[in-house]
Amino acid sequence: MCLHAGSRSDPAAQTTTQAENRSHELNVRRCLLLAATWLAATLLFAASAPAEPRPTVRGADAAIAKAETLLGTDQFGIYGCEALVAFAFGVSQAEYGWDGAAETMYQTLLEQGKIHTDRNPPRGALVFSHGFVGAHIDISRGDGTYVSGGVQGLSPGYGDGSNIQILDSPSVGDENYTYRGWSVGFPEPESQ
């Protein structure tokens, strides 16, 4: 009678077969691990889709320069954020069909689908937040800082004590304020 290597009656052959099976399982696991590693690396380092160009705000440089002429002043008072924005962009609030309040501007822009919620507003964007004293609007300088009016209404004694300042975050960075988003422009005029 002839027995081959995989026969049950030979214990040495069974041990060899079990070792070969374990070796095969380890090779399969190694291949799966290598494939998973390759896939993860491909996904991690693959070229992503080209980024959409950042929107630009028409007249941003002139508006920021105009707003910055009032830095360190109390022009427009402690709740003058909307007035600073209107002044900077040279717009009449009545022309746009809204009353000028930051909340009204935000709600109108939100309804018009013009609010972006990422935290990287382009230069000249209108940046909205809301806190315990109400809504607030700043002008983005495009570098992570903001020209802000009505600062003392947000946080009395903040910064240099003036109402118009450059801030490192929207709304004096107070934890009582919530960032709401930004827009590249004013609300569309209401239809007559």
Protein backbone atom coordinates (compact mmCIF):
# COMPACT_ATOMS: atom_id res chain seq x y z
CA MET A 1 0.00 0.00 0.00
CA CYS A 2 1.33 3.34 -0.98
CA LEU A 3 0.72 6.50 1.21
CA HIS A 4 1.15 10.00 -0.12
CA ALA A 5 2.29 13.08 1.81
CA GLY A 6 -1.22 14.28 2.66
CA SER A 7 -2.47 10.95 4.04
CA ARG A 8 -4.13 10.84 7.45
CA SER A 9 -2.23 7.79 8.57
CA ASP A 10 1.13 9.61 8.51
CA PRO A 11 1.38 12.11 11.46
CA ALA A 12 4.49 13.76 10.01
CA ALA A 13 2.65 14.43 6.75
CA GLN A 14 -0.27 15.93 8.67
CA THR A 15 2.07 18.29 10.55
CA THR A 16 3.68 19.32 7.27
CA THR A 17 0.27 19.98 5.70
CA GLN A 18 -0.81 22.06 8.70
CA ALA A 19 2.41 24.10 8.53
CA GLU A 20 1.89 24.65 4.80
CA ASN A 21 -1.70 25.80 5.45
CA ARG A 22 -0.53 28.26 8.15
CA SER A 23 2.19 29.52 5.84
CA HIS A 24 -0.38 29.99 3.08
CA GLU A 25 -2.71 31.89 5.48
CA LEU A 26 0.17 34.16 6.52
CA ASN A 27 1.01 34.86 2.89
CA VAL A 28 -2.64 35.74 2.19
CA ARG A 29 -2.69 38.04 5.22
CA ARG A 30 0.56 39.70 4.13
CA CYS A 31 -0.85 40.27 0.64
CA LEU A 32 -4.05 41.74 2.06
CA LEU A 33 -2.07 43.99 4.38
CA LEU A 34 0.15 45.17 1.52
CA ALA A 35 -2.90 45.80 -0.68
CA ALA A 36 -4.65 47.76 2.09
CA THR A 37 -1.49 49.78 2.75
CA TRP A 38 -1.10 50.55 -0.95
CA LEU A 39 -4.76 51.61 -1.21
CA ALA A 40 -4.50 53.84 1.88
CA ALA A 41 -1.32 55.46 0.55
CA THR A 42 -2.91 56.00 -2.85
CA LEU A 43 -5.94 57.68 -1.31
CA LEU A 44 -3.85 59.75 1.06
CA PHE A 45 -1.31 61.00 -1.44
CA ALA A 46 -3.36 61.03 -4.63
CA ALA A 47 -3.75 64.36 -6.33
CA SER A 48 -7.06 65.80 -5.28
CA ALA A 49 -9.46 67.53 -7.60
CA PRO A 50 -8.37 71.04 -8.39
CA ALA A 51 -9.60 73.48 -5.79
CA GLU A 52 -12.29 75.87 -6.84
CA PRO A 53 -10.91 79.37 -7.16
CA ARG A 54 -11.67 81.55 -4.15
CA PRO A 55 -14.41 84.05 -4.85
CA THR A 56 -13.32 87.62 -5.15
CA VAL A 57 -15.11 90.60 -3.72
CA ARG A 58 -15.43 93.50 -6.10
CA GLY A 59 -13.93 96.63 -4.53
CA ALA A 60 -12.43 94.73 -1.59
CA ASP A 61 -9.10 96.57 -1.48
CA ALA A 62 -10.72 100.01 -1.67
CA ALA A 63 -13.35 99.10 0.95
CA ILE A 64 -10.76 97.76 3.38
CA ALA A 65 -8.54 100.80 2.86
CA LYS A 66 -11.52 103.10 3.48
CA ALA A 67 -12.55 101.21 6.64
CA GLU A 68 -8.96 101.26 7.91
CA THR A 69 -8.92 105.08 7.72
CA LEU A 70 -11.22 104.96 10.75
CA LEU A 71 -9.13 102.52 12.85
CA GLY A 72 -8.83 103.64 16.46
CA THR A 73 -11.91 105.88 16.28
CA ASP A 74 -15.39 105.70 17.73
CA GLN A 75 -17.11 106.54 14.46
CA PHE A 76 -20.59 104.96 14.22
CA GLY A 77 -20.76 104.21 17.98
CA ILE A 78 -20.76 101.00 19.98
CA TYR A 79 -23.20 99.18 17.67
CA GLY A 80 -21.93 100.59 14.39
CA CYS A 81 -20.73 97.44 12.63
CA GLU A 82 -23.31 97.71 9.79
CA ALA A 83 -22.62 101.42 9.35
CA LEU A 84 -18.88 100.74 9.04
CA VAL A 85 -19.54 98.12 6.35
CA ALA A 86 -21.89 100.45 4.41
CA PHE A 87 -19.34 103.29 4.71
CA ALA A 88 -16.45 101.09 3.57
CA PHE A 89 -18.26 99.82 0.48
CA GLY A 90 -19.89 103.19 -0.25
CA VAL A 91 -23.42 101.84 -0.27
CA SER A 92 -26.68 103.28 0.87
CA GLN A 93 -28.49 100.83 3.08
CA ALA A 94 -31.87 101.94 1.68
CA GLU A 95 -30.69 101.09 -1.86
CA TYR A 96 -30.48 97.42 -0.95
CA GLY A 97 -33.94 97.07 0.57
CA TRP A 98 -32.80 96.11 4.07
CA ASP A 99 -32.69 98.12 7.25
CA GLY A 100 -28.96 97.77 7.79
CA ALA A 101 -29.06 95.52 10.83
CA ALA A 102 -26.47 92.73 10.69
CA GLU A 103 -29.19 90.18 11.50
CA THR A 104 -31.40 91.35 8.64
CA MET A 105 -28.43 91.27 6.25
CA TYR A 106 -27.46 87.78 7.38
CA GLN A 107 -31.01 86.38 7.13
CA THR A 108 -31.52 87.93 3.67
CA LEU A 109 -28.21 86.58 2.37
CA LEU A 110 -29.00 83.18 3.89
CA GLU A 111 -32.39 83.12 2.13
CA GLN A 112 -30.65 84.11 -1.11
CA GLY A 113 -28.18 81.22 -0.72
CA LYS A 114 -25.16 83.51 -0.45
CA ILE A 115 -23.77 82.47 2.95
CA HIS A 116 -20.64 80.29 3.03
CA THR A 117 -19.87 78.56 6.32
CA ASP A 118 -16.18 77.70 5.95
CA ARG A 119 -13.80 79.74 8.07
CA ASN A 120 -11.68 81.04 5.22
CA PRO A 121 -13.45 84.16 3.94
CA PRO A 122 -11.75 85.95 1.05
CA ARG A 123 -10.52 89.52 1.26
CA GLY A 124 -13.46 91.91 1.50
CA ALA A 125 -16.05 89.28 2.45
CA LEU A 126 -18.79 90.25 4.89
CA VAL A 127 -18.36 87.98 7.94
CA PHE A 128 -21.28 87.28 10.28
CA SER A 129 -21.45 86.15 13.89
CA HIS A 130 -24.03 86.24 16.67
CA GLY A 131 -23.70 86.64 20.41
CA PHE A 132 -25.37 87.77 23.58
CA VAL A 133 -25.82 91.36 22.34
CA GLY A 134 -27.06 90.25 18.91
CA ALA A 135 -25.75 89.93 15.40
CA HIS A 136 -22.41 91.30 14.23
CA ILE A 137 -20.70 91.87 10.87
CA ASP A 138 -16.99 92.33 10.07
CA ILE A 139 -14.99 92.80 6.87
CA SER A 140 -12.44 90.08 6.17
CA ARG A 141 -8.93 91.25 5.34
CA GLY A 142 -8.29 87.87 3.70
CA ASP A 143 -5.43 87.00 6.04
CA GLY A 144 -7.37 85.73 9.05
CA THR A 145 -7.96 89.21 10.47
CA TYR A 146 -11.04 91.43 10.29
CA VAL A 147 -11.91 95.13 10.29
CA SER A 148 -14.64 95.51 12.86
CA GLY A 149 -16.91 98.33 13.94
CA GLY A 150 -18.85 98.54 17.19
CA VAL A 151 -16.17 96.61 19.09
CA GLN A 152 -16.95 98.23 22.45
CA GLY A 153 -20.59 97.16 22.11
CA LEU A 154 -19.34 93.57 21.82
CA SER A 155 -16.79 93.68 24.60
CA PRO A 156 -16.32 96.94 26.56
CA GLY A 157 -12.65 97.75 27.09
CA TYR A 158 -11.48 95.30 24.41
CA GLY A 159 -8.25 96.00 22.55
CA ASP A 160 -7.31 99.66 22.34
CA GLY A 161 -10.74 100.74 23.65
CA SER A 162 -11.93 102.15 20.32
CA ASN A 163 -14.95 101.00 18.37
CA ILE A 164 -13.14 100.39 15.08
CA GLN A 165 -10.29 97.90 15.30
CA ILE A 166 -8.59 95.05 13.50
CA LEU A 167 -9.54 91.77 15.17
CA ASP A 168 -7.84 88.36 15.05
CA SER A 169 -11.21 86.63 14.85
CA PRO A 170 -14.78 87.64 14.08
CA SER A 171 -16.52 89.26 17.07
CA VAL A 172 -13.55 89.67 19.40
CA GLY A 173 -13.16 85.88 19.58
CA ASP A 174 -15.49 85.78 22.57
CA GLU A 175 -16.79 82.30 23.40
CA ASN A 176 -20.25 83.89 23.70
CA TYR A 177 -20.25 84.51 19.95
CA THR A 178 -21.05 82.00 17.25
CA TYR A 179 -19.49 82.22 13.81
CA ARG A 180 -22.26 82.12 11.18
CA GLY A 181 -20.48 82.47 7.86
CA TRP A 182 -19.57 84.96 5.16
CA SER A 183 -20.78 86.43 1.89
CA VAL A 184 -19.00 88.01 -1.05
CA GLY A 185 -21.51 90.81 -1.27
CA PHE A 186 -24.65 92.51 -0.12
CA PRO A 187 -28.20 91.18 -0.39
CA GLU A 188 -29.94 91.46 -3.74
CA PRO A 189 -32.26 94.47 -3.85
CA GLU A 190 -35.88 93.70 -3.12
CA SER A 191 -38.17 93.72 -6.15
CA GLN A 192 -40.43 96.72 -6.42
